[in-house]
């Protein structure tokens, strides 16, 4: 993938509103966003685990999202991260958030109440960083 392809994909997604369970350009949650992002680059990843999930899924089964992420690509250390790596974060005591690293210091993600946007991977986000995964088909 070229930087131009990555940024074109980012631009196509920025501004899409948050929607719980969203998997379309009309609304995305963070798993939907990473699914759509990689799909636009020709890389298929699962967009669910086959079970229904409520808005409070993280209270009912806090490890659910993390277990699903473990099936995607391979674990890498934060020191190895590079563009296109999937990054995930612990918020509220469990891994409940993910995005895509788009350059050395920024990632694409969506949060409840905010549209898809790019944020700096600053100290606040680095403190929440729970890990990163590399998809072999990205390189």
N, C-alpha and C. Protein backbone atom coordinates (compact mmCIF):
# COMPACT_ATOMS: atom_id res chain seq x y z
N UNK A 1 0.84 -1.18 0.00
CA UNK A 1 0.00 0.00 0.00
C UNK A 1 0.88 1.24 0.00
N UNK A 2 0.49 2.20 -0.76
CA UNK A 2 1.22 3.46 -0.77
C UNK A 2 0.60 4.41 0.25
N UNK A 3 1.37 5.41 0.63
CA UNK A 3 0.85 6.44 1.53
C UNK A 3 -0.36 7.11 0.91
N UNK A 4 -0.33 7.31 -0.39
CA UNK A 4 -1.45 7.93 -1.09
C UNK A 4 -2.71 7.08 -0.97
N UNK A 5 -2.60 5.76 -1.11
CA UNK A 5 -3.76 4.87 -0.97
C UNK A 5 -4.31 4.92 0.45
N UNK A 6 -3.41 4.92 1.43
CA UNK A 6 -3.84 4.98 2.83
C UNK A 6 -4.60 6.27 3.09
N UNK A 7 -4.03 7.40 2.66
CA UNK A 7 -4.66 8.69 2.93
C UNK A 7 -5.97 8.86 2.16
N UNK A 8 -6.06 8.31 0.99
CA UNK A 8 -7.32 8.36 0.23
C UNK A 8 -8.40 7.58 0.98
N UNK A 9 -8.04 6.44 1.54
CA UNK A 9 -8.98 5.65 2.32
C UNK A 9 -9.38 6.40 3.59
N UNK A 10 -8.42 7.00 4.26
CA UNK A 10 -8.72 7.79 5.46
C UNK A 10 -9.71 8.89 5.12
N UNK A 11 -9.44 9.65 4.07
CA UNK A 11 -10.33 10.76 3.68
C UNK A 11 -11.74 10.28 3.36
N UNK A 12 -11.85 9.08 2.80
CA UNK A 12 -13.18 8.56 2.45
C UNK A 12 -14.00 8.21 3.69
N UNK A 13 -13.34 8.03 4.83
CA UNK A 13 -14.03 7.59 6.04
C UNK A 13 -14.21 8.69 7.09
N UNK A 14 -13.34 9.70 7.08
CA UNK A 14 -13.45 10.78 8.06
C UNK A 14 -14.81 11.45 7.93
N UNK A 15 -15.45 11.63 9.08
CA UNK A 15 -16.74 12.31 9.12
C UNK A 15 -17.94 11.38 9.20
N UNK A 16 -17.76 10.09 8.96
CA UNK A 16 -18.88 9.15 9.08
C UNK A 16 -19.28 9.09 10.55
N UNK A 17 -20.57 9.19 10.85
CA UNK A 17 -20.98 9.22 12.26
C UNK A 17 -20.82 7.87 12.96
N UNK A 18 -20.73 7.95 14.28
CA UNK A 18 -20.70 6.75 15.11
C UNK A 18 -22.10 6.12 15.10
N UNK A 19 -22.13 4.80 15.01
CA UNK A 19 -23.37 4.05 15.14
C UNK A 19 -23.04 2.70 15.76
N UNK A 20 -23.65 2.40 16.89
CA UNK A 20 -23.43 1.10 17.54
C UNK A 20 -23.77 -0.01 16.55
N UNK A 21 -22.82 -0.90 16.31
CA UNK A 21 -23.03 -2.01 15.38
C UNK A 21 -22.95 -1.61 13.92
N UNK A 22 -22.59 -0.36 13.64
CA UNK A 22 -22.54 0.14 12.27
C UNK A 22 -21.45 -0.50 11.44
N UNK A 23 -21.82 -0.88 10.21
CA UNK A 23 -20.87 -1.51 9.29
C UNK A 23 -20.96 -0.90 7.89
N UNK A 24 -21.57 0.29 7.78
CA UNK A 24 -21.73 0.93 6.48
C UNK A 24 -21.25 2.37 6.55
N UNK A 25 -21.19 3.00 5.40
CA UNK A 25 -20.76 4.40 5.32
C UNK A 25 -21.77 5.34 5.97
N UNK A 26 -22.91 4.83 6.36
CA UNK A 26 -23.91 5.66 7.04
C UNK A 26 -23.68 5.70 8.54
N UNK A 27 -22.86 4.81 9.08
CA UNK A 27 -22.56 4.79 10.50
C UNK A 27 -21.67 3.62 10.84
N UNK A 28 -20.67 3.86 11.70
CA UNK A 28 -19.69 2.84 12.07
C UNK A 28 -19.40 2.87 13.56
N UNK A 29 -19.14 1.71 14.14
CA UNK A 29 -18.51 1.67 15.44
C UNK A 29 -17.04 1.33 15.18
N UNK A 30 -16.22 1.21 16.23
CA UNK A 30 -14.78 1.06 15.95
C UNK A 30 -14.45 -0.25 15.23
N UNK A 31 -15.14 -1.35 15.53
CA UNK A 31 -14.88 -2.59 14.78
C UNK A 31 -15.35 -2.45 13.34
N UNK A 32 -16.48 -1.80 13.15
CA UNK A 32 -16.97 -1.56 11.79
C UNK A 32 -16.00 -0.70 11.00
N UNK A 33 -15.42 0.29 11.66
CA UNK A 33 -14.45 1.17 10.99
C UNK A 33 -13.23 0.38 10.53
N UNK A 34 -12.65 -0.42 11.41
CA UNK A 34 -11.45 -1.14 10.96
C UNK A 34 -11.80 -2.15 9.88
N UNK A 35 -12.98 -2.76 9.98
CA UNK A 35 -13.42 -3.70 8.94
C UNK A 35 -13.53 -2.98 7.59
N UNK A 36 -14.22 -1.84 7.56
CA UNK A 36 -14.42 -1.09 6.30
C UNK A 36 -13.08 -0.55 5.79
N UNK A 37 -12.24 -0.03 6.68
CA UNK A 37 -10.94 0.51 6.27
C UNK A 37 -10.12 -0.55 5.53
N UNK A 38 -9.94 -1.69 6.17
CA UNK A 38 -9.13 -2.73 5.55
C UNK A 38 -9.80 -3.28 4.29
N UNK A 39 -11.12 -3.41 4.30
CA UNK A 39 -11.83 -3.91 3.12
C UNK A 39 -11.58 -2.99 1.92
N UNK A 40 -11.57 -1.67 2.16
CA UNK A 40 -11.32 -0.74 1.05
C UNK A 40 -9.92 -0.91 0.48
N UNK A 41 -9.03 -1.48 1.27
CA UNK A 41 -7.67 -1.75 0.78
C UNK A 41 -7.53 -3.19 0.29
N UNK A 42 -8.64 -3.91 0.22
CA UNK A 42 -8.63 -5.28 -0.29
C UNK A 42 -8.27 -6.34 0.73
N UNK A 43 -8.36 -5.99 2.02
CA UNK A 43 -8.00 -6.91 3.09
C UNK A 43 -9.25 -7.24 3.89
N UNK A 44 -9.59 -8.50 3.97
CA UNK A 44 -10.81 -8.90 4.67
C UNK A 44 -10.49 -9.33 6.10
N UNK A 45 -11.20 -8.73 7.06
CA UNK A 45 -11.14 -9.15 8.46
C UNK A 45 -12.58 -9.34 8.93
N UNK A 46 -12.79 -10.12 9.99
CA UNK A 46 -14.16 -10.32 10.49
C UNK A 46 -14.75 -9.00 11.00
N UNK A 47 -16.06 -8.85 10.83
CA UNK A 47 -16.71 -7.65 11.33
C UNK A 47 -17.60 -7.95 12.53
N UNK A 48 -17.55 -9.19 13.03
CA UNK A 48 -18.31 -9.58 14.22
C UNK A 48 -17.85 -10.96 14.65
N UNK A 49 -18.37 -11.40 15.79
CA UNK A 49 -18.03 -12.74 16.26
C UNK A 49 -19.20 -13.71 16.15
N UNK A 50 -20.24 -13.29 15.44
CA UNK A 50 -21.37 -14.17 15.20
C UNK A 50 -22.47 -14.11 16.25
N UNK A 51 -22.25 -13.33 17.30
CA UNK A 51 -23.25 -13.21 18.35
C UNK A 51 -23.76 -11.78 18.41
N UNK A 52 -25.00 -11.63 18.84
CA UNK A 52 -25.56 -10.28 19.06
C UNK A 52 -24.76 -9.59 20.16
N UNK A 53 -24.70 -8.27 20.09
CA UNK A 53 -24.09 -7.56 21.21
C UNK A 53 -24.88 -6.30 21.51
N UNK A 54 -25.06 -6.09 22.79
CA UNK A 54 -25.84 -4.95 23.27
C UNK A 54 -24.92 -3.74 23.42
N UNK A 55 -25.50 -2.57 23.62
CA UNK A 55 -24.66 -1.39 23.87
C UNK A 55 -23.79 -1.55 25.13
N UNK A 56 -24.16 -2.44 26.03
CA UNK A 56 -23.39 -2.66 27.27
C UNK A 56 -22.58 -3.96 27.22
N UNK A 57 -22.21 -4.42 26.03
CA UNK A 57 -21.49 -5.67 25.88
C UNK A 57 -20.24 -5.73 26.74
N UNK A 58 -19.55 -4.59 26.90
CA UNK A 58 -18.29 -4.55 27.64
C UNK A 58 -18.50 -4.79 29.13
N UNK A 59 -19.71 -4.58 29.63
CA UNK A 59 -20.01 -4.89 31.03
C UNK A 59 -20.38 -6.37 31.18
N UNK A 60 -21.03 -6.90 30.16
CA UNK A 60 -21.48 -8.29 30.20
C UNK A 60 -20.34 -9.28 29.96
N UNK A 61 -19.39 -8.91 29.10
CA UNK A 61 -18.26 -9.78 28.76
C UNK A 61 -17.07 -8.89 28.39
N UNK A 62 -16.37 -8.35 29.40
CA UNK A 62 -15.30 -7.37 29.14
C UNK A 62 -14.18 -7.84 28.23
N UNK A 63 -13.94 -9.13 28.12
CA UNK A 63 -12.84 -9.64 27.29
C UNK A 63 -13.27 -9.97 25.86
N UNK A 64 -14.52 -9.78 25.54
CA UNK A 64 -15.05 -10.20 24.24
C UNK A 64 -14.33 -9.54 23.06
N UNK A 65 -14.20 -8.23 23.08
CA UNK A 65 -13.57 -7.50 21.99
C UNK A 65 -12.11 -7.94 21.84
N UNK A 66 -11.41 -8.05 22.96
CA UNK A 66 -10.01 -8.46 22.94
C UNK A 66 -9.85 -9.86 22.34
N UNK A 67 -10.72 -10.79 22.73
CA UNK A 67 -10.65 -12.14 22.16
C UNK A 67 -10.80 -12.11 20.65
N UNK A 68 -11.71 -11.29 20.18
CA UNK A 68 -11.92 -11.18 18.73
C UNK A 68 -10.71 -10.60 18.02
N UNK A 69 -10.09 -9.59 18.63
CA UNK A 69 -8.92 -8.98 18.01
C UNK A 69 -7.76 -9.96 17.90
N UNK A 70 -7.67 -10.89 18.83
CA UNK A 70 -6.57 -11.87 18.83
C UNK A 70 -6.61 -12.78 17.62
N UNK A 71 -7.72 -12.81 16.91
CA UNK A 71 -7.86 -13.65 15.72
C UNK A 71 -7.45 -12.92 14.44
N UNK A 72 -7.05 -11.66 14.58
CA UNK A 72 -6.70 -10.83 13.43
C UNK A 72 -5.19 -10.60 13.43
N UNK A 73 -4.52 -11.01 12.39
CA UNK A 73 -3.09 -10.74 12.25
C UNK A 73 -2.26 -11.32 13.38
N UNK A 74 -1.13 -10.67 13.66
CA UNK A 74 -0.24 -11.14 14.73
C UNK A 74 0.15 -9.97 15.63
N UNK A 75 0.39 -10.30 16.88
CA UNK A 75 0.74 -9.30 17.88
C UNK A 75 2.11 -8.70 17.58
N UNK A 76 2.23 -7.39 17.76
CA UNK A 76 3.52 -6.71 17.65
C UNK A 76 3.66 -5.81 18.87
N UNK A 77 4.88 -5.42 19.16
CA UNK A 77 5.10 -4.52 20.28
C UNK A 77 4.86 -3.08 19.82
N UNK A 78 4.53 -2.19 20.74
CA UNK A 78 4.35 -0.78 20.36
C UNK A 78 5.57 -0.19 19.65
N UNK A 79 6.76 -0.66 19.99
CA UNK A 79 7.97 -0.15 19.35
C UNK A 79 8.04 -0.55 17.87
N UNK A 80 7.33 -1.59 17.47
CA UNK A 80 7.35 -2.08 16.09
C UNK A 80 6.25 -1.48 15.23
N UNK A 81 5.35 -0.71 15.81
CA UNK A 81 4.18 -0.22 15.07
C UNK A 81 4.56 0.63 13.88
N UNK A 82 3.81 0.43 12.79
CA UNK A 82 3.96 1.26 11.60
C UNK A 82 2.59 1.42 10.95
N UNK A 83 2.49 2.33 9.97
CA UNK A 83 1.19 2.56 9.34
C UNK A 83 0.53 1.26 8.88
N UNK A 84 -0.78 1.22 9.03
CA UNK A 84 -1.68 0.11 8.71
C UNK A 84 -1.82 -0.91 9.83
N UNK A 85 -1.06 -0.74 10.92
CA UNK A 85 -1.24 -1.65 12.04
C UNK A 85 -2.53 -1.31 12.77
N UNK A 86 -3.19 -2.35 13.25
CA UNK A 86 -4.41 -2.20 14.04
C UNK A 86 -3.96 -1.92 15.48
N UNK A 87 -4.45 -0.85 16.07
CA UNK A 87 -4.11 -0.51 17.45
C UNK A 87 -5.37 -0.64 18.29
N UNK A 88 -5.19 -1.08 19.53
CA UNK A 88 -6.36 -1.22 20.39
C UNK A 88 -6.04 -0.71 21.79
N UNK A 89 -7.11 -0.28 22.45
CA UNK A 89 -6.97 0.48 23.68
C UNK A 89 -7.86 -0.06 24.79
N UNK A 90 -7.37 0.07 26.00
CA UNK A 90 -8.12 -0.30 27.18
C UNK A 90 -8.77 0.98 27.71
N UNK A 91 -10.08 0.98 27.72
CA UNK A 91 -10.83 2.11 28.24
C UNK A 91 -11.83 1.55 29.24
N UNK A 92 -11.83 2.08 30.45
CA UNK A 92 -12.75 1.58 31.46
C UNK A 92 -12.40 0.20 31.97
N UNK A 93 -11.13 -0.17 31.95
CA UNK A 93 -10.70 -1.44 32.51
C UNK A 93 -10.67 -2.62 31.55
N UNK A 94 -11.14 -2.43 30.32
CA UNK A 94 -11.14 -3.53 29.35
C UNK A 94 -10.81 -2.98 27.96
N UNK A 95 -10.36 -3.85 27.08
CA UNK A 95 -10.12 -3.45 25.70
C UNK A 95 -11.48 -3.26 25.04
N UNK A 96 -11.81 -2.01 24.74
CA UNK A 96 -13.12 -1.69 24.16
C UNK A 96 -13.02 -0.77 22.95
N UNK A 97 -11.81 -0.49 22.50
CA UNK A 97 -11.65 0.48 21.42
C UNK A 97 -10.50 0.08 20.52
N UNK A 98 -10.65 0.36 19.21
CA UNK A 98 -9.59 0.05 18.25
C UNK A 98 -9.59 1.08 17.13
N UNK A 99 -8.47 1.14 16.43
CA UNK A 99 -8.34 2.03 15.29
C UNK A 99 -7.21 1.53 14.41
N UNK A 100 -6.84 2.35 13.44
CA UNK A 100 -5.78 1.98 12.50
C UNK A 100 -4.72 3.08 12.52
N UNK A 101 -3.48 2.69 12.74
CA UNK A 101 -2.37 3.64 12.70
C UNK A 101 -2.18 4.10 11.26
N UNK A 102 -2.20 5.40 11.03
CA UNK A 102 -2.07 5.88 9.65
C UNK A 102 -0.71 6.51 9.36
N UNK A 103 0.00 6.88 10.39
CA UNK A 103 1.40 7.30 10.26
C UNK A 103 2.03 7.10 11.63
N UNK A 104 3.26 7.52 11.81
CA UNK A 104 3.95 7.22 13.07
C UNK A 104 3.29 7.82 14.30
N UNK A 105 2.50 8.86 14.14
CA UNK A 105 1.95 9.51 15.32
C UNK A 105 0.45 9.75 15.32
N UNK A 106 -0.29 9.14 14.38
CA UNK A 106 -1.73 9.38 14.28
C UNK A 106 -2.48 8.10 13.96
N UNK A 107 -3.73 8.03 14.45
CA UNK A 107 -4.56 6.88 14.15
C UNK A 107 -5.97 7.31 13.82
N UNK A 108 -6.62 6.49 13.03
CA UNK A 108 -8.00 6.71 12.60
C UNK A 108 -8.90 5.90 13.53
N UNK A 109 -9.96 6.54 14.03
CA UNK A 109 -10.88 5.83 14.91
C UNK A 109 -12.21 6.57 14.99
N UNK A 110 -13.16 5.95 15.68
CA UNK A 110 -14.47 6.55 15.89
C UNK A 110 -14.88 6.27 17.33
N UNK A 111 -15.44 7.28 17.96
CA UNK A 111 -15.89 7.15 19.34
C UNK A 111 -17.38 7.47 19.42
N UNK A 112 -18.04 6.89 20.39
CA UNK A 112 -19.46 7.17 20.61
C UNK A 112 -19.64 8.68 20.76
N UNK A 113 -20.56 9.23 19.97
CA UNK A 113 -20.83 10.65 20.03
C UNK A 113 -19.95 11.51 19.13
N UNK A 114 -18.97 10.89 18.47
CA UNK A 114 -18.08 11.62 17.56
C UNK A 114 -17.99 10.87 16.24
N UNK A 115 -17.80 11.57 15.14
CA UNK A 115 -17.63 10.88 13.86
C UNK A 115 -16.22 10.30 13.74
N UNK A 116 -16.01 9.54 12.68
CA UNK A 116 -14.68 9.01 12.37
C UNK A 116 -13.73 10.20 12.25
N UNK A 117 -12.58 10.09 12.90
CA UNK A 117 -11.60 11.18 12.87
C UNK A 117 -10.19 10.62 13.10
N UNK A 118 -9.22 11.49 12.88
CA UNK A 118 -7.81 11.16 13.11
C UNK A 118 -7.40 11.84 14.41
N UNK A 119 -6.74 11.09 15.28
CA UNK A 119 -6.22 11.64 16.53
C UNK A 119 -4.73 11.39 16.63
N UNK A 120 -4.04 12.29 17.33
CA UNK A 120 -2.62 12.01 17.58
C UNK A 120 -2.49 10.89 18.60
N UNK A 121 -1.51 10.06 18.41
CA UNK A 121 -1.23 9.00 19.38
C UNK A 121 -0.37 9.64 20.47
N UNK A 122 -1.02 10.50 21.24
CA UNK A 122 -0.34 11.29 22.26
C UNK A 122 -0.21 10.49 23.56
N UNK A 123 0.30 11.14 24.59
CA UNK A 123 0.54 10.47 25.86
C UNK A 123 -0.74 9.87 26.43
N UNK A 124 -1.85 10.60 26.34
CA UNK A 124 -3.12 10.09 26.89
C UNK A 124 -3.53 8.79 26.19
N UNK A 125 -3.41 8.74 24.86
CA UNK A 125 -3.76 7.51 24.14
C UNK A 125 -2.71 6.43 24.37
N UNK A 126 -1.45 6.80 24.45
CA UNK A 126 -0.40 5.79 24.69
C UNK A 126 -0.58 5.10 26.04
N UNK A 127 -1.08 5.84 27.03
CA UNK A 127 -1.34 5.23 28.34
C UNK A 127 -2.44 4.18 28.26
N UNK A 128 -3.37 4.36 27.33
CA UNK A 128 -4.48 3.42 27.16
C UNK A 128 -4.16 2.30 26.15
N UNK A 129 -3.07 2.46 25.40
CA UNK A 129 -2.71 1.48 24.38
C UNK A 129 -2.51 0.12 25.01
N UNK A 130 -3.30 -0.85 24.58
CA UNK A 130 -3.20 -2.20 25.12
C UNK A 130 -2.43 -3.13 24.19
N UNK A 131 -2.25 -2.71 22.93
CA UNK A 131 -1.50 -3.53 22.00
C UNK A 131 -1.73 -3.14 20.57
N UNK A 132 -1.07 -3.87 19.69
CA UNK A 132 -1.18 -3.63 18.25
C UNK A 132 -1.04 -4.97 17.53
N UNK A 133 -1.66 -5.02 16.36
CA UNK A 133 -1.62 -6.23 15.55
C UNK A 133 -1.26 -5.85 14.12
N UNK A 134 -0.50 -6.72 13.50
CA UNK A 134 -0.10 -6.51 12.12
C UNK A 134 -0.79 -7.52 11.22
N UNK A 135 -1.42 -7.02 10.18
CA UNK A 135 -2.07 -7.90 9.21
C UNK A 135 -1.05 -8.21 8.12
N UNK A 136 -0.72 -9.46 7.91
CA UNK A 136 0.33 -9.79 6.94
C UNK A 136 0.02 -9.32 5.53
N UNK A 137 -1.22 -9.23 5.15
CA UNK A 137 -1.56 -8.80 3.80
C UNK A 137 -1.37 -7.31 3.58
N UNK A 138 -0.99 -6.57 4.62
CA UNK A 138 -0.75 -5.13 4.47
C UNK A 138 0.64 -4.85 3.92
N UNK A 139 1.55 -5.83 4.02
CA UNK A 139 2.94 -5.56 3.64
C UNK A 139 3.47 -6.57 2.66
